[in-house]
Each structure stands twice: as C-alpha cells, then as structure tokens.
C-alpha cells in the first residue's frame, strides 16, 4: 500500500484523497505447484489462499483445513477518478464464492480508506458469484436501491455496484442467439406483435453477402453468426452484432422484405443497443449531470423496462 500511496502522490493531489472504484475479475489459470524461495526459505506456491478470514470461514464450513490447487486468480485493481490505476492484490482461488468475495472486498475497502483511497463503486462481470455477492448486500432487489448501499466503514458515503457493460452486451447477444423457432432454440423473444430471433440476423448477414458488391457491414463474418463457446466470450464479436453498423444493415435488409413491419421491434432493439454501445465506448468523461449521454441512458433503460413490463403482463 505504501508503494501505491507514493505513486498516487506523484500526481500532486493536495488533500491526499483519491476517490475511485474497485474493479475485480477472476481468471482461469493452469493448476500447478511451484517451489519458491523467500528470504532463504522454501515454500510451495499454487495452493488456494484467500486470506486468514476466508481460511477461518472455510474451516467453520467444512470442519477441516483442506489444501487445494488453485484453478483461478482473483485480482483487484483500484481505478481513481483522475485516471490513476493500481493493482492492489490478487488471490489464488478455486472459483471464489460470494461470501469469500465479500470478505476480500470489504477488507480492501477498509485498507484503501486508511491510505486515502475512497472506494465509491465496485465494477465486475456477470459471473454467478458476483451476482450473489451483490444480492448479499440488499434485503430485496438491488434495482430498488439503484444498486447503491452505504459504505460499511463510513455510512455517510455510498458504494455503487456496477456490472461491466461488456458483460451486458454479451448477455443481450446471447439471449438473441437462443431465440428462434428451431429445436435447439430455448426461447422466443417477443415485443408487441413482433418476434426477435437470431434468424433475422442470419438472414440480414446472408442478404448482405449475396446482394451487395460492397457489403453494408463489412466486419461481419461466420464467427459473429455461428460463435463457438470461446468466441461467445469475445466482447468485440458481441458488440459488432448490436452496434450502429448492424442497425444500418438491418434497416437496409428490412427495405427488401415483402413484410418489412416484421422487423420493427428488431430495429428498435438495435437502435437502443447501438446507442448504448456508443455511449459506453465514448472516451470523453461525464463531468456534469447535464451531459446528454445520461439522458440517453435513461431513455434506453425506459425502453427495456417497457419491454420487461409487457412480458410480465403476458405471464
């Protein structure tokens, strides 16, 4: 922490306060043991080690201490509002659980606060443990509280839980992938009288390849249309079937149809996802509440909430 503090001081912050957030992610690693030497002593590296508190928690749950080879690494990075970024810790894990993550997160918040780093938000992907971690902090739905709760160490301040937008884009794309009429499809997305299915993307893709000498959406390829499990994890592939280029292609394809109204809600969906991607990929910071992107975000949210409300009414 002293190293981090000294690096932050180089930015010349007079009040020694660096507001920002914690970003954490868990990555798979190859299970292995390594012999390392520290201060003349040898030790084995490669076992799960998530700190004393989680060791005690594991002992209470299992009644014994059981060494395990780590299959993942959990890393926490602090990102200050002024752009200062510093990796503060990492833990070898066996896929971290929500209670373990809770212990690690609040310990990090406490230690960072002691050194003048004010955690205002936590950003993570949509792993099941992360969703459970968020839910643990709320009695009801986190949405009802705008995913915001008091800082346990300073209740006068708030901490916001944020899902990585790249995960949101992939989740939208994956749900469209599963929507259709074939046997392997698990759902059919519907808004009003229109259905939204992956076949519409496939038909637009093939129409573009077969009818245009200069393709409308030149980046689309079979990896976008027929992704395997590895390709489904790539943010770029998900965003390129939901962005502004895809919207332009779908509108051009719509004009070629006998019943163009069949794609009305698909077009509306792409209008909203393309705006959302454009907002979150904009490198300009939002510095005041009058920024038009905040209003655009609100309008997009209202559209998705309207869709959700309609679905619930049909159940």
Protein backbone atom coordinates (compact mmCIF):
# COMPACT_ATOMS: atom_id res chain seq x y z
CA UNK A 1 0.00 0.00 0.00
CA UNK A 2 2.88 2.35 0.66
CA UNK A 3 4.10 1.84 -2.90
CA UNK A 4 0.61 2.65 -4.21
CA UNK A 5 0.41 5.73 -1.98
CA UNK A 6 3.76 7.05 -3.20
CA UNK A 7 2.79 6.53 -6.84
CA UNK A 8 -0.50 8.37 -6.30
CA UNK A 9 1.26 11.27 -4.61
CA UNK A 10 3.24 11.90 -7.78
CA UNK A 11 0.00 13.20 -9.30
CA UNK A 12 0.17 16.14 -6.87
CA UNK A 13 -3.15 15.69 -5.07
CA UNK A 14 -3.04 18.23 -2.23
CA UNK A 15 -5.70 16.74 0.04
CA UNK A 16 -4.27 13.22 -0.22
CA UNK A 17 -7.67 11.85 -1.24
CA UNK A 18 -8.18 9.77 -4.35
CA UNK A 19 -11.86 8.86 -4.95
CA UNK A 20 -12.42 5.99 -7.35
CA UNK A 21 -13.55 2.39 -7.53
CA UNK A 22 -12.53 -1.24 -7.28
CA UNK A 23 -12.51 -3.41 -10.38
CA UNK A 24 -12.19 -7.14 -9.83
CA UNK A 25 -12.08 -10.12 -12.10
CA UNK A 26 -11.35 -13.83 -11.77
CA UNK A 27 -9.28 -15.53 -14.46
CA UNK A 28 -8.64 -19.23 -15.08
CA UNK A 29 -5.05 -20.47 -14.72
CA UNK A 30 -3.30 -23.80 -15.15
CA UNK A 31 -3.21 -25.80 -11.95
CA UNK A 32 0.41 -26.25 -10.91
CA UNK A 33 2.78 -26.23 -7.94
CA UNK A 34 5.99 -24.25 -7.90
CA UNK A 35 8.79 -24.22 -5.34
CA UNK A 36 9.76 -20.63 -4.49
CA UNK A 37 12.41 -19.17 -2.22
CA UNK A 38 11.74 -16.14 0.00
CA UNK A 39 14.31 -14.82 2.49
CA UNK A 40 16.23 -18.06 2.35
CA UNK A 41 13.15 -20.21 2.97
CA UNK A 42 11.44 -22.52 0.50
CA UNK A 43 7.69 -22.78 0.05
CA UNK A 44 5.14 -24.27 -2.31
CA UNK A 45 3.12 -21.84 -4.44
CA UNK A 46 -0.05 -22.80 -6.26
CA UNK A 47 -2.48 -23.56 -3.44
CA UNK A 48 -5.71 -21.66 -2.80
CA UNK A 49 -5.01 -18.72 -0.48
CA UNK A 50 -7.70 -16.11 0.10
CA UNK A 51 -6.55 -14.69 3.40
CA UNK A 52 -6.96 -15.57 7.06
CA UNK A 53 -10.66 -14.63 7.32
CA UNK A 54 -11.63 -16.90 4.45
CA UNK A 55 -9.44 -19.69 5.82
CA UNK A 56 -11.41 -19.49 9.07
CA UNK A 57 -14.70 -19.38 7.14
CA UNK A 58 -13.69 -22.50 5.20
CA UNK A 59 -12.75 -24.31 8.40
CA UNK A 60 -16.10 -23.46 10.01
CA UNK A 61 -18.00 -24.73 6.96
CA UNK A 62 -16.01 -27.92 6.36
CA UNK A 63 -14.67 -28.69 9.85
CA UNK A 64 -11.18 -29.17 8.49
CA UNK A 65 -8.43 -27.46 6.53
CA UNK A 66 -8.04 -28.98 3.11
CA UNK A 67 -5.28 -27.69 0.77
CA UNK A 68 -6.50 -27.23 -2.80
CA UNK A 69 -4.69 -26.41 -6.01
CA UNK A 70 -5.75 -23.01 -7.33
CA UNK A 71 -7.55 -23.05 -10.67
CA UNK A 72 -8.21 -19.30 -10.86
CA UNK A 73 -6.72 -15.98 -9.78
CA UNK A 74 -8.85 -13.14 -8.43
CA UNK A 75 -7.33 -9.71 -8.99
CA UNK A 76 -8.46 -6.38 -7.55
CA UNK A 77 -7.49 -3.13 -9.27
CA UNK A 78 -8.12 0.37 -7.93
CA UNK A 79 -9.08 2.96 -10.55
CA UNK A 80 -9.18 6.57 -9.33
CA UNK A 81 -11.45 9.17 -10.93
CA UNK A 82 -8.36 11.06 -12.13
CA UNK A 83 -7.14 8.03 -14.10
CA UNK A 84 -4.65 6.66 -11.56
CA UNK A 85 -4.75 2.86 -11.71
CA UNK A 86 -3.04 0.37 -9.42
CA UNK A 87 -3.42 -3.42 -8.90
CA UNK A 88 -3.73 -3.78 -5.14
CA UNK A 89 -3.85 -7.56 -4.62
CA UNK A 90 -4.51 -10.95 -6.12
CA UNK A 91 -5.63 -14.26 -4.64
CA UNK A 92 -5.25 -17.83 -5.96
CA UNK A 93 -8.74 -19.33 -5.79
CA UNK A 94 -10.85 -22.36 -6.66
CA UNK A 95 -13.58 -20.14 -8.15
CA UNK A 96 -14.35 -17.62 -5.42
CA UNK A 97 -17.74 -17.75 -3.67
CA UNK A 98 -19.89 -14.75 -2.79
CA UNK A 99 -19.10 -14.88 0.98
CA UNK A 100 -15.36 -15.14 0.24
CA UNK A 101 -15.58 -12.24 -2.19
CA UNK A 102 -17.46 -10.20 0.40
CA UNK A 103 -14.66 -10.66 2.95
CA UNK A 104 -11.99 -9.70 0.41
CA UNK A 105 -13.91 -6.69 -0.93
CA UNK A 106 -14.65 -5.04 2.40
CA UNK A 107 -11.14 -5.72 3.68
CA UNK A 108 -9.84 -3.92 0.58
CA UNK A 109 -12.27 -1.02 1.10
CA UNK A 110 -11.08 -0.64 4.70
CA UNK A 111 -7.37 -0.74 3.89
CA UNK A 112 -7.72 1.63 0.93
CA UNK A 113 -9.65 4.09 3.09
CA UNK A 114 -6.83 4.13 5.66
CA UNK A 115 -4.47 5.32 2.90
CA UNK A 116 -6.80 7.98 1.49
CA UNK A 117 -8.35 5.99 -1.37
CA UNK A 118 -12.14 6.35 -1.27
CA UNK A 119 -13.99 3.45 -2.89
CA UNK A 120 -17.18 4.79 -4.48
CA UNK A 121 -18.07 1.85 -6.68
CA UNK A 122 -17.28 -1.78 -7.46
CA UNK A 123 -17.22 -2.99 -11.07
CA UNK A 124 -17.35 -6.67 -12.03
CA UNK A 125 -18.55 -9.06 -14.71
CA UNK A 126 -21.74 -11.11 -14.51
CA UNK A 127 -20.34 -14.32 -13.00
CA UNK A 128 -22.82 -16.08 -10.72
CA UNK A 129 -20.63 -15.45 -7.67
CA UNK A 130 -20.58 -11.72 -8.48
CA UNK A 131 -24.36 -11.60 -8.83
CA UNK A 132 -24.74 -13.39 -5.50
CA UNK A 133 -22.17 -11.03 -3.97
CA UNK A 134 -24.30 -8.04 -4.98
CA UNK A 135 -27.53 -9.64 -3.79
CA UNK A 136 -26.00 -10.31 -0.35
CA UNK A 137 -25.88 -6.57 0.28
CA UNK A 138 -29.61 -5.96 -0.22
CA UNK A 139 -32.73 -7.22 1.54
CA UNK A 140 -34.81 -7.03 -1.63
CA UNK A 141 -33.98 -6.35 -5.26
CA UNK A 142 -30.76 -4.34 -5.78
CA UNK A 143 -32.58 -2.49 -8.55
CA UNK A 144 -34.97 -0.97 -5.99
CA UNK A 145 -31.95 0.66 -4.31
CA UNK A 146 -30.28 1.59 -7.63
CA UNK A 147 -27.54 -0.95 -6.74
CA UNK A 148 -26.38 1.52 -4.08
CA UNK A 149 -25.67 0.94 -0.39
CA UNK A 150 -23.92 2.80 2.46
CA UNK A 151 -20.19 2.23 2.90
CA UNK A 152 -19.94 -0.07 5.93
CA UNK A 153 -16.95 1.90 7.23
CA UNK A 154 -18.46 5.34 6.56
CA UNK A 155 -22.28 5.22 6.25
CA UNK A 156 -22.35 8.86 5.18
CA UNK A 157 -20.88 7.74 1.85
CA UNK A 158 -22.35 5.37 -0.75
CA UNK A 159 -20.93 2.48 -2.76
CA UNK A 160 -22.45 1.57 -6.13
CA UNK A 161 -22.25 -1.94 -7.62
CA UNK A 162 -21.76 -1.89 -11.39
CA UNK A 163 -21.85 -4.69 -13.94
CA UNK A 164 -19.20 -4.41 -16.63
CA UNK A 165 -21.05 -3.07 -19.72
CA UNK A 166 -19.23 -5.57 -21.94
CA UNK A 167 -20.95 -8.35 -19.99
CA UNK A 168 -24.33 -6.65 -20.55
CA UNK A 169 -23.74 -6.53 -24.30
CA UNK A 170 -22.78 -10.21 -24.37
CA UNK A 171 -25.83 -11.11 -22.31
CA UNK A 172 -28.13 -9.32 -24.76
CA UNK A 173 -26.45 -11.04 -27.73
CA UNK A 174 -26.58 -14.46 -26.04
CA UNK A 175 -30.30 -14.15 -25.38
CA UNK A 176 -30.91 -13.31 -29.04
CA UNK A 177 -28.76 -16.30 -30.01
CA UNK A 178 -31.08 -18.55 -28.01
CA UNK A 179 -34.22 -17.05 -29.55
CA UNK A 180 -35.80 -18.76 -32.55
CA UNK A 181 -38.07 -21.49 -33.85
CA UNK A 182 -35.57 -24.32 -34.33
CA UNK A 183 -35.43 -27.26 -31.90
CA UNK A 184 -32.15 -26.11 -30.37
CA UNK A 185 -33.55 -22.67 -29.51
CA UNK A 186 -34.65 -22.33 -25.89
CA UNK A 187 -36.84 -19.21 -26.14
CA UNK A 188 -38.60 -16.81 -28.43
CA UNK A 189 -38.16 -13.11 -27.67
CA UNK A 190 -41.26 -11.08 -28.38
CA UNK A 191 -42.17 -7.41 -28.11
CA UNK A 192 -45.71 -6.48 -29.09
CA UNK A 193 -46.71 -8.45 -32.15
CA UNK A 194 -43.11 -8.88 -33.33
CA UNK A 195 -40.69 -11.67 -32.50
CA UNK A 196 -36.94 -11.06 -32.26
CA UNK A 197 -34.90 -14.09 -33.35
CA UNK A 198 -31.34 -14.88 -34.35
CA UNK A 199 -32.58 -15.96 -37.78
CA UNK A 200 -33.20 -12.28 -38.54
CA UNK A 201 -29.51 -11.57 -38.02
CA UNK A 202 -28.56 -14.59 -40.15
CA UNK A 203 -30.90 -13.56 -42.96
CA UNK A 204 -29.57 -10.00 -42.94
CA UNK A 205 -25.99 -11.33 -42.96
CA UNK A 206 -26.60 -13.61 -45.96
CA UNK A 207 -28.59 -10.91 -47.77
CA UNK A 208 -25.67 -8.51 -47.36
CA UNK A 209 -23.15 -11.07 -48.68
CA UNK A 210 -25.26 -12.17 -51.65
CA UNK A 211 -26.72 -8.87 -52.85
CA UNK A 212 -24.16 -6.12 -52.22
CA UNK A 213 -20.88 -5.78 -54.08
CA UNK A 214 -19.72 -3.55 -51.22
CA UNK A 215 -21.05 -5.04 -48.02
CA UNK A 216 -23.00 -2.81 -45.65
CA UNK A 217 -21.49 -4.38 -42.54
CA UNK A 218 -18.00 -5.34 -43.67
CA UNK A 219 -16.83 -6.67 -40.29
CA UNK A 220 -19.43 -9.43 -40.01
CA UNK A 221 -18.22 -12.98 -40.59
CA UNK A 222 -19.08 -16.54 -39.56
CA UNK A 223 -17.51 -16.03 -36.13
CA UNK A 224 -20.21 -13.47 -35.40
CA UNK A 225 -23.03 -15.58 -36.79
CA UNK A 226 -22.01 -19.06 -35.61
CA UNK A 227 -19.86 -18.44 -32.49
CA UNK A 228 -18.41 -21.35 -30.54
CA UNK A 229 -18.01 -21.22 -26.77
CA UNK A 230 -14.67 -19.40 -26.97
CA UNK A 231 -15.97 -16.87 -29.48
CA UNK A 232 -19.04 -16.18 -27.34
CA UNK A 233 -16.67 -14.75 -24.72
CA UNK A 234 -15.19 -12.16 -27.08
CA UNK A 235 -16.61 -8.71 -26.39
CA UNK A 236 -15.87 -7.45 -29.87
CA UNK A 237 -17.98 -10.12 -31.59
CA UNK A 238 -20.98 -9.39 -29.36
CA UNK A 239 -20.81 -5.63 -29.85
CA UNK A 240 -20.49 -5.85 -33.62
CA UNK A 241 -23.87 -7.59 -33.96
CA UNK A 242 -25.53 -4.92 -31.79
CA UNK A 243 -23.81 -1.72 -32.90
CA UNK A 244 -24.64 1.06 -35.36
CA UNK A 245 -23.29 -0.87 -38.37
CA UNK A 246 -25.66 -3.73 -37.59
CA UNK A 247 -28.53 -1.26 -37.28
CA UNK A 248 -27.78 0.18 -40.73
CA UNK A 249 -27.62 -3.33 -42.24
CA UNK A 250 -30.89 -4.42 -40.60
CA UNK A 251 -32.67 -1.29 -41.90
CA UNK A 252 -31.38 -1.92 -45.45
CA UNK A 253 -32.44 -5.57 -45.22
CA UNK A 254 -35.87 -4.52 -43.90
CA UNK A 255 -36.50 -2.46 -47.02
CA UNK A 256 -36.02 -5.58 -49.15
CA UNK A 257 -38.78 -7.55 -47.40
CA UNK A 258 -42.36 -8.05 -48.50
CA UNK A 259 -43.49 -7.51 -44.91
CA UNK A 260 -40.95 -5.01 -43.54
CA UNK A 261 -43.00 -4.42 -40.37
CA UNK A 262 -41.88 -7.87 -39.15
CA UNK A 263 -38.56 -6.29 -38.22
CA UNK A 264 -39.92 -3.19 -36.49
CA UNK A 265 -39.07 -4.26 -32.93
CA UNK A 266 -35.76 -5.76 -34.01
CA UNK A 267 -34.87 -2.37 -35.42
CA UNK A 268 -35.97 -0.68 -32.18
CA UNK A 269 -33.81 -3.09 -30.17
CA UNK A 270 -30.77 -2.30 -32.34
CA UNK A 271 -31.45 1.45 -32.10
CA UNK A 272 -31.16 1.14 -28.33
CA UNK A 273 -28.22 -1.26 -28.17
CA UNK A 274 -26.24 0.76 -30.72
CA UNK A 275 -26.77 3.93 -28.68
CA UNK A 276 -25.76 2.12 -25.52
CA UNK A 277 -22.54 0.81 -27.07
CA UNK A 278 -21.72 4.24 -28.45
CA UNK A 279 -22.18 5.82 -25.01
CA UNK A 280 -20.03 3.31 -23.14
CA UNK A 281 -17.30 3.32 -25.78
CA UNK A 282 -17.12 7.12 -25.73
CA UNK A 283 -13.75 8.11 -24.25
CA UNK A 284 -14.99 11.52 -23.14
CA UNK A 285 -15.62 11.69 -19.37
CA UNK A 286 -19.03 12.63 -18.00
CA UNK A 287 -18.35 15.66 -15.79
CA UNK A 288 -21.82 17.01 -15.04
CA UNK A 289 -25.43 15.87 -14.70
CA UNK A 290 -26.47 17.83 -17.79
CA UNK A 291 -24.48 15.55 -20.10
CA UNK A 292 -26.84 14.36 -22.84
CA UNK A 293 -25.50 10.80 -22.55
CA UNK A 294 -27.11 10.47 -19.11
CA UNK A 295 -30.49 11.36 -20.61
CA UNK A 296 -29.90 8.89 -23.44
CA UNK A 297 -29.08 6.18 -20.90
CA UNK A 298 -32.34 6.94 -19.09
CA UNK A 299 -34.34 6.68 -22.32
CA UNK A 300 -32.71 3.35 -23.18
CA UNK A 301 -33.44 2.00 -19.70
CA UNK A 302 -37.07 3.06 -20.00
CA UNK A 303 -37.36 1.17 -23.29
CA UNK A 304 -36.04 -2.06 -21.77
CA UNK A 305 -38.27 -1.61 -18.70
CA UNK A 306 -41.26 -1.17 -21.00
CA UNK A 307 -40.35 -4.44 -22.73
CA UNK A 308 -39.97 -6.18 -19.37
CA UNK A 309 -43.33 -4.85 -18.17
CA UNK A 310 -45.07 -6.16 -21.25
CA UNK A 311 -43.59 -9.63 -20.77
CA UNK A 312 -44.76 -9.77 -17.15
CA UNK A 313 -48.28 -8.76 -18.19
CA UNK A 314 -48.47 -11.74 -20.55
CA UNK A 315 -47.48 -14.26 -17.87
